C-alpha atoms as a PDB file:
ATOM      1  CA  MET A   1    -133.600 -99.835  91.206  1.00  0.00           C
ATOM      2  CA  ALA A   2    -133.567 -95.823  93.163  1.00  0.00           C
ATOM      3  CA  PHE A   3    -131.487 -92.925  93.212  1.00  0.00           C
ATOM      4  CA  LEU A   4    -130.863 -91.139  95.450  1.00  0.00           C
ATOM      5  CA  SER A   5    -130.906 -87.272  93.952  1.00  0.00           C
ATOM      6  CA  LEU A   6    -127.849 -85.111  94.498  1.00  0.00           C
ATOM      7  CA  PRO A   7    -129.423 -83.339  97.621  1.00  0.00           C
ATOM      8  CA  LYS A   8    -130.145 -85.673  99.201  1.00  0.00           C
ATOM      9  CA  LEU A   9    -126.886 -87.585  98.231  1.00  0.00           C
ATOM     10  CA  LEU A  10    -125.149 -84.915 100.278  1.00  0.00           C
ATOM     11  CA  PRO A  11    -125.845 -84.966 103.752  1.00  0.00           C
ATOM     12  CA  LEU A  12    -124.935 -88.445 103.848  1.00  0.00           C
ATOM     13  CA  THR A  13    -122.031 -87.022 101.800  1.00  0.00           C
ATOM     14  CA  ILE A  14    -121.614 -84.572 104.404  1.00  0.00           C
ATOM     15  CA  CYS A  15    -121.511 -87.089 107.210  1.00  0.00           C
ATOM     16  CA  LEU A  16    -119.578 -89.996 105.996  1.00  0.00           C
ATOM     17  CA  SER A  17    -116.608 -87.500 106.261  1.00  0.00           C
ATOM     18  CA  LEU A  18    -117.207 -86.400 109.559  1.00  0.00           C
ATOM     19  CA  SER A  19    -117.519 -89.488 110.242  1.00  0.00           C
ATOM     20  CA  LEU A  20    -113.876 -91.113 108.715  1.00  0.00           C
ATOM     21  CA  PHE A  21    -112.343 -87.845 110.040  1.00  0.00           C
ATOM     22  CA  TYR A  22    -113.485 -88.934 113.727  1.00  0.00           C
ATOM     23  CA  VAL A  23    -111.786 -92.226 113.337  1.00  0.00           C
ATOM     24  CA  GLN A  24    -108.511 -90.867 112.163  1.00  0.00           C
ATOM     25  CA  GLY A  25    -108.572 -88.303 114.817  1.00  0.00           C
ATOM     26  CA  ALA A  26    -109.532 -91.365 117.419  1.00  0.00           C
ATOM     27  CA  ARG A  27    -106.667 -93.927 116.152  1.00  0.00           C
ATOM     28  CA  GLY A  28    -105.263 -91.800 118.895  1.00  0.00           C
ATOM     29  CA  GLU A  29    -101.314 -90.710 117.013  1.00  0.00           C
ATOM     30  CA  ILE A  30    -100.030 -89.786 119.760  1.00  0.00           C
ATOM     31  CA  ILE A  31     -97.291 -86.571 119.177  1.00  0.00           C
ATOM     32  CA  CYS A  32     -95.071 -84.625 122.149  1.00  0.00           C
ATOM     33  CA  GLU A  33     -96.008 -81.167 121.473  1.00  0.00           C
ATOM     34  CA  ASP A  34     -99.426 -81.857 122.367  1.00  0.00           C
ATOM     35  CA  LEU A  35     -98.684 -83.694 125.459  1.00  0.00           C
ATOM     36  CA  PRO A  36     -99.513 -81.799 129.048  1.00  0.00           C
ATOM     37  CA  LYS A  37     -96.408 -81.638 131.425  1.00  0.00           C
ATOM     38  CA  GLU A  38     -97.994 -84.288 133.006  1.00  0.00           C
ATOM     39  CA  ILE A  39     -97.262 -87.771 131.458  1.00  0.00           C
ATOM     40  CA  CYS A  40     -94.288 -85.921 128.913  1.00  0.00           C
ATOM     41  CA  SER A  41     -91.645 -87.241 130.813  1.00  0.00           C
ATOM     42  CA  PHE A  42     -91.566 -91.096 129.399  1.00  0.00           C
ATOM     43  CA  SER A  43     -93.650 -90.962 126.776  1.00  0.00           C
ATOM     44  CA  ILE A  44     -92.952 -91.960 123.409  1.00  0.00           C
ATOM     45  CA  ALA A  45     -94.346 -90.585 119.912  1.00  0.00           C
ATOM     46  CA  SER A  46     -95.919 -91.986 117.323  1.00  0.00           C
ATOM     47  CA  SER A  47     -93.054 -91.545 115.474  1.00  0.00           C
ATOM     48  CA  GLY A  48     -91.034 -93.617 118.501  1.00  0.00           C
ATOM     49  CA  LYS A  49     -89.922 -90.962 119.509  1.00  0.00           C
ATOM     50  CA  ARG A  50     -89.291 -90.558 122.969  1.00  0.00           C
ATOM     51  CA  CYS A  51     -90.756 -87.279 124.150  1.00  0.00           C
ATOM     52  CA  LEU A  52     -88.722 -85.022 126.902  1.00  0.00           C
ATOM     53  CA  LEU A  53     -89.802 -81.892 129.381  1.00  0.00           C
ATOM     54  CA  GLU A  54     -87.967 -78.764 129.101  1.00  0.00           C
ATOM     55  CA  ASN A  55     -88.113 -75.506 130.759  1.00  0.00           C
ATOM     56  CA  TYR A  56     -88.350 -71.842 129.637  1.00  0.00           C
ATOM     57  CA  ALA A  57     -89.044 -68.620 131.583  1.00  0.00           C
ATOM     58  CA  GLY A  58     -92.101 -67.658 131.495  1.00  0.00           C
ATOM     59  CA  LYS A  59     -93.253 -63.965 130.508  1.00  0.00           C
ATOM     60  CA  ALA A  60     -93.743 -63.458 133.746  1.00  0.00           C
ATOM     61  CA  GLY A  61     -90.434 -64.846 135.223  1.00  0.00           C
ATOM     62  CA  ASP A  62     -91.406 -68.253 135.720  1.00  0.00           C
ATOM     63  CA  THR A  63     -90.236 -71.243 134.468  1.00  0.00           C
ATOM     64  CA  GLU A  64     -92.891 -72.957 132.170  1.00  0.00           C
ATOM     65  CA  TYR A  65     -92.578 -76.229 131.125  1.00  0.00           C
ATOM     66  CA  GLN A  66     -93.277 -77.610 127.531  1.00  0.00           C
ATOM     67  CA  CYS A  67     -93.084 -81.034 126.243  1.00  0.00           C
ATOM     68  CA  ARG A  68     -91.140 -81.616 122.595  1.00  0.00           C
ATOM     69  CA  THR A  69     -90.086 -84.382 120.901  1.00  0.00           C
ATOM     70  CA  SER A  70     -86.378 -85.921 121.073  1.00  0.00           C
ATOM     71  CA  GLU A  71     -84.222 -86.901 118.635  1.00  0.00           C
ATOM     72  CA  VAL A  72     -83.867 -90.695 120.981  1.00  0.00           C
ATOM     73  CA  VAL A  73     -85.545 -93.497 118.262  1.00  0.00           C
ATOM     74  CA  VAL A  74     -87.105 -96.275 120.527  1.00  0.00           C
ATOM     75  CA  GLU A  75     -86.782 -99.752 118.625  1.00  0.00           C
ATOM     76  CA  ARG A  76     -90.052-102.241 118.654  1.00  0.00           C
ATOM     77  CA  MET A  77     -92.400 -99.280 120.758  1.00  0.00           C
ATOM     78  CA  ALA A  78     -94.669 -96.343 119.719  1.00  0.00           C
ATOM     79  CA  GLU A  79     -97.253 -94.330 121.071  1.00  0.00           C
ATOM     80  CA  TRP A  80     -96.440 -95.226 124.622  1.00  0.00           C
ATOM     81  CA  ILE A  81     -97.928 -93.469 127.276  1.00  0.00           C
ATOM     82  CA  GLU A  82     -95.440 -95.083 131.047  1.00  0.00           C
ATOM     83  CA  THR A  83     -97.988 -96.001 133.716  1.00  0.00           C
ATOM     84  CA  ASP A  84     -98.045 -94.319 137.361  1.00  0.00           C
ATOM     85  CA  GLU A  85     -97.746 -97.787 138.035  1.00  0.00           C
ATOM     86  CA  CYS A  86     -94.593 -98.180 136.611  1.00  0.00           C
ATOM     87  CA  VAL A  87     -93.071 -94.257 136.842  1.00  0.00           C
ATOM     88  CA  ASN A  88     -93.803 -95.685 140.632  1.00  0.00           C
ATOM     89  CA  ALA A  89     -91.937 -98.811 140.913  1.00  0.00           C
ATOM     90  CA  CYS A  90     -88.833 -97.402 138.709  1.00  0.00           C
ATOM     91  CA  GLY A  91     -88.539 -93.933 141.477  1.00  0.00           C
ATOM     92  CA  ALA A  92     -88.790 -91.730 137.984  1.00  0.00           C
ATOM     93  CA  ASP A  93     -90.270 -88.789 138.395  1.00  0.00           C
ATOM     94  CA  ARG A  94     -92.675 -87.034 136.176  1.00  0.00           C
ATOM     95  CA  ASN A  95     -91.128 -83.669 136.222  1.00  0.00           C
ATOM     96  CA  SER A  96     -87.438 -84.488 134.914  1.00  0.00           C
ATOM     97  CA  VAL A  97     -86.752 -82.257 132.496  1.00  0.00           C
ATOM     98  CA  GLY A  98     -84.333 -83.366 129.562  1.00  0.00           C
ATOM     99  CA  ILE A  99     -83.284 -87.258 129.441  1.00  0.00           C
ATOM    100  CA  SER A 100     -79.772 -87.468 131.796  1.00  0.00           C
ATOM    101  CA  SER A 101     -77.964 -91.205 134.218  1.00  0.00           C
ATOM    102  CA  ASP A 102     -78.072 -88.101 136.117  1.00  0.00           C
ATOM    103  CA  SER A 103     -80.462 -90.974 138.354  1.00  0.00           C
ATOM    104  CA  LEU A 104     -78.485 -93.872 137.375  1.00  0.00           C
ATOM    105  CA  LEU A 105     -75.623 -92.304 140.400  1.00  0.00           C
ATOM    106  CA  GLU A 106     -78.027 -92.286 142.686  1.00  0.00           C
ATOM    107  CA  PRO A 107     -79.227 -96.049 144.710  1.00  0.00           C
ATOM    108  CA  GLN A 108     -82.156 -95.050 146.046  1.00  0.00           C
ATOM    109  CA  PHE A 109     -83.011 -95.001 142.035  1.00  0.00           C
ATOM    110  CA  THR A 110     -80.435 -97.900 141.609  1.00  0.00           C
ATOM    111  CA  SER A 111     -82.501-100.224 143.787  1.00  0.00           C
ATOM    112  CA  LYS A 112     -86.278 -99.193 142.598  1.00  0.00           C
ATOM    113  CA  LEU A 113     -85.137 -99.604 138.776  1.00  0.00           C
ATOM    114  CA  CYS A 114     -83.764-103.414 139.469  1.00  0.00           C
ATOM    115  CA  SER A 115     -86.443-104.334 141.584  1.00  0.00           C
ATOM    116  CA  PRO A 116     -88.633-107.472 140.236  1.00  0.00           C
ATOM    117  CA  ALA A 117     -91.303-105.071 140.388  1.00  0.00           C
ATOM    118  CA  CYS A 118     -90.300-102.057 138.058  1.00  0.00           C
ATOM    119  CA  TYR A 119     -87.665-104.282 135.466  1.00  0.00           C
ATOM    120  CA  ASN A 120     -89.470-107.210 134.624  1.00  0.00           C
ATOM    121  CA  ASN A 121     -93.180-105.456 134.586  1.00  0.00           C
ATOM    122  CA  CYS A 122     -91.767-101.951 132.825  1.00  0.00           C
ATOM    123  CA  PRO A 123     -89.622-102.524 129.472  1.00  0.00           C
ATOM    124  CA  ASN A 124     -90.422 -98.598 128.086  1.00  0.00           C
ATOM    125  CA  ILE A 125     -87.875 -97.161 131.328  1.00  0.00           C
ATOM    126  CA  VAL A 126     -85.803-100.462 131.655  1.00  0.00           C
ATOM    127  CA  ASP A 127     -85.202 -98.966 127.786  1.00  0.00           C
ATOM    128  CA  LEU A 128     -84.333 -96.312 128.007  1.00  0.00           C
ATOM    129  CA  TYR A 129     -81.959 -96.623 131.149  1.00  0.00           C
ATOM    130  CA  PHE A 130     -80.148 -99.660 130.260  1.00  0.00           C
ATOM    131  CA  ASN A 131     -79.190 -96.891 126.408  1.00  0.00           C
ATOM    132  CA  LEU A 132     -78.263 -94.400 129.198  1.00  0.00           C
ATOM    133  CA  ALA A 133     -76.309 -96.736 131.122  1.00  0.00           C
ATOM    134  CA  ALA A 134     -75.015 -98.054 128.301  1.00  0.00           C
ATOM    135  CA  GLY A 135     -73.711 -94.783 127.132  1.00  0.00           C
ATOM    136  CA  GLU A 136     -71.412 -94.307 130.360  1.00  0.00           C
ATOM    137  CA  GLY A 137     -70.189 -97.878 129.197  1.00  0.00           C
ATOM    138  CA  VAL A 138     -71.884 -99.555 131.912  1.00  0.00           C
ATOM    139  CA  PHE A 139     -74.553-102.529 131.064  1.00  0.00           C
ATOM    140  CA  LEU A 140     -77.315-102.439 132.526  1.00  0.00           C
ATOM    141  CA  PRO A 141     -77.371-105.846 134.252  1.00  0.00           C
ATOM    142  CA  ASP A 142     -73.941-105.678 135.755  1.00  0.00           C
ATOM    143  CA  LEU A 143     -74.910-102.220 137.534  1.00  0.00           C
ATOM    144  CA  CYS A 144     -78.535-104.384 138.984  1.00  0.00           C
ATOM    145  CA  GLN A 145     -75.931-106.953 140.122  1.00  0.00           C
ATOM    146  CA  VAL A 146     -73.794-104.878 142.074  1.00  0.00           C
ATOM    147  CA  GLN A 147     -76.839-102.672 143.051  1.00  0.00           C
ATOM    148  CA  ARG A 148     -78.760-106.312 144.586  1.00  0.00           C
ATOM    149  CA  SER A 149     -75.152-106.904 146.042  1.00  0.00           C
ATOM    150  CA  ASN A 150     -74.391-104.105 147.658  1.00  0.00           C
ATOM    151  CA  PRO A 151     -77.127-102.319 147.679  1.00  0.00           C
ATOM    152  CA  ARG A 152     -75.272 -98.633 149.157  1.00  0.00           C
ATOM    153  CA  HIS A 153     -72.878 -99.420 145.452  1.00  0.00           C
ATOM    154  CA  SER A 154     -73.639 -96.502 143.076  1.00  0.00           C
ATOM    155  CA  MET A 155     -72.806 -96.302 139.030  1.00  0.00           C
ATOM    156  CA  LEU A 156     -69.972 -93.592 139.686  1.00  0.00           C
ATOM    157  CA  GLU A 157     -68.089 -96.557 142.341  1.00  0.00           C
ATOM    158  CA  ILE A 158     -68.738 -99.133 139.160  1.00  0.00           C
ATOM    159  CA  LEU A 159     -67.089 -96.518 136.682  1.00  0.00           C
ATOM    160  CA  SER A 160     -63.916 -96.236 138.932  1.00  0.00           C
ATOM    161  CA  SER A 161     -64.050 -99.426 140.324  1.00  0.00           C
ATOM    162  CA  GLY A 162     -63.020-100.648 136.314  1.00  0.00           C
ATOM    163  CA  LEU A 163     -66.449-103.125 136.294  1.00  0.00           C
ATOM    164  CA  ALA A 164     -67.726-101.060 133.134  1.00  0.00           C
ATOM    165  CA  ALA A 165     -68.513-102.289 130.145  1.00  0.00           C
ATOM    166  CA  GLY A 166     -66.923-100.043 127.664  1.00  0.00           C
ATOM    167  CA  PRO A 167     -65.596 -96.695 127.542  1.00  0.00           C
ATOM    168  CA  VAL A 168     -66.745 -94.154 129.909  1.00  0.00           C
ATOM    169  CA  SER A 169     -68.023 -90.538 129.007  1.00  0.00           C
ATOM    170  CA  ASP A 170     -65.122 -87.392 130.189  1.00  0.00           C
ATOM    171  CA  SER A 171     -68.768 -86.608 132.506  1.00  0.00           C
ATOM    172  CA  PRO A 172     -70.870 -89.732 134.003  1.00  0.00           C
ATOM    173  CA  ALA A 173     -73.972 -87.794 134.149  1.00  0.00           C
ATOM    174  CA  SER A 174     -74.236 -85.944 130.391  1.00  0.00           C
ATOM    175  CA  ILE A 175     -77.386 -85.915 128.757  1.00  0.00           C
ATOM    176  CA  VAL A 176     -78.516 -87.836 125.724  1.00  0.00           C
ATOM    177  CA  ALA A 177     -81.377 -85.470 124.520  1.00  0.00           C
ATOM    178  CA  ALA A 178     -79.926 -84.613 121.507  1.00  0.00           C
ATOM    179  CA  ALA A 179     -77.407 -87.832 120.548  1.00  0.00           C
ATOM    180  CA  PRO A 180     -78.405 -89.160 117.113  1.00  0.00           C
ATOM    181  CA  SER A 181     -80.526 -92.080 117.153  1.00  0.00           C
ATOM    182  CA  SER A 182     -77.909 -94.606 115.267  1.00  0.00           C
ATOM    183  CA  GLU A 183     -76.129 -94.538 118.884  1.00  0.00           C
ATOM    184  CA  LEU A 184     -79.168 -95.345 121.336  1.00  0.00           C
ATOM    185  CA  SER A 185     -80.940 -97.142 119.563  1.00  0.00           C
ATOM    186  CA  SER A 186     -77.932-100.240 118.439  1.00  0.00           C
ATOM    187  CA  PHE A 187     -77.566-101.319 122.033  1.00  0.00           C
ATOM    188  CA  ALA A 188     -78.422-104.987 122.001  1.00  0.00           C
ATOM    189  CA  VAL A 189     -82.193-105.266 123.630  1.00  0.00           C
ATOM    190  CA  PRO A 190     -82.885-105.330 127.285  1.00  0.00           C
ATOM    191  CA  PRO A 191     -82.714-108.751 129.399  1.00  0.00           C
ATOM    192  CA  SER A 192     -86.027-107.573 131.219  1.00  0.00           C
ATOM    193  CA  ALA A 193     -87.766-109.313 128.351  1.00  0.00           C
ATOM    194  CA  ASP A 194     -85.335-112.101 127.821  1.00  0.00           C
ATOM    195  CA  ALA A 195     -83.982-112.650 131.292  1.00  0.00           C
ATOM    196  CA  PRO A 196     -85.978-111.810 134.547  1.00  0.00           C
ATOM    197  CA  ILE A 197     -84.621-109.968 137.840  1.00  0.00           C
ATOM    198  CA  SER A 198     -85.719-112.616 140.494  1.00  0.00           C
ATOM    199  CA  SER A 199     -86.084-110.904 144.187  1.00  0.00           C
END
């Protein structure tokens, strides 16, 4: 049996170490702060926390953007970069700053969110807006039902009509990026996986 001498073992050890390092790096751990702004919004880090786009004043006085990790935890999803197909199908905006329910006040957005192309195929975006609607006291499937029967109805009209499923906050467009994860992750599973919307 032949034994490798120490000088011959050293290159082999270095090679194995570098291979192991490369494999760990290639696993693709997603860290929000490492993502470019073009894919930040609607992404989920390996930790299960949502990424959000923040803006700040740059040195020259112009607006700069950076991707940050929010405190919003997504159950059952991690390491998710949303596809352009879903962003387009749902009418979402990759350049949206923060995490906000503002879009739910726009009937055009709600119509696209509730469309079968989005609701049945884009669980990440549906989950986000399901929880944002719930935070405003509205059950997303009910909002979608009203939207299908009367496309001009907005969430604001639903809130003011008393059709909302629960208590309504003082501000219908509150930003929840800093909300404790327990508040958002405690809602029921969005129905997209169980009850597809028919066209």
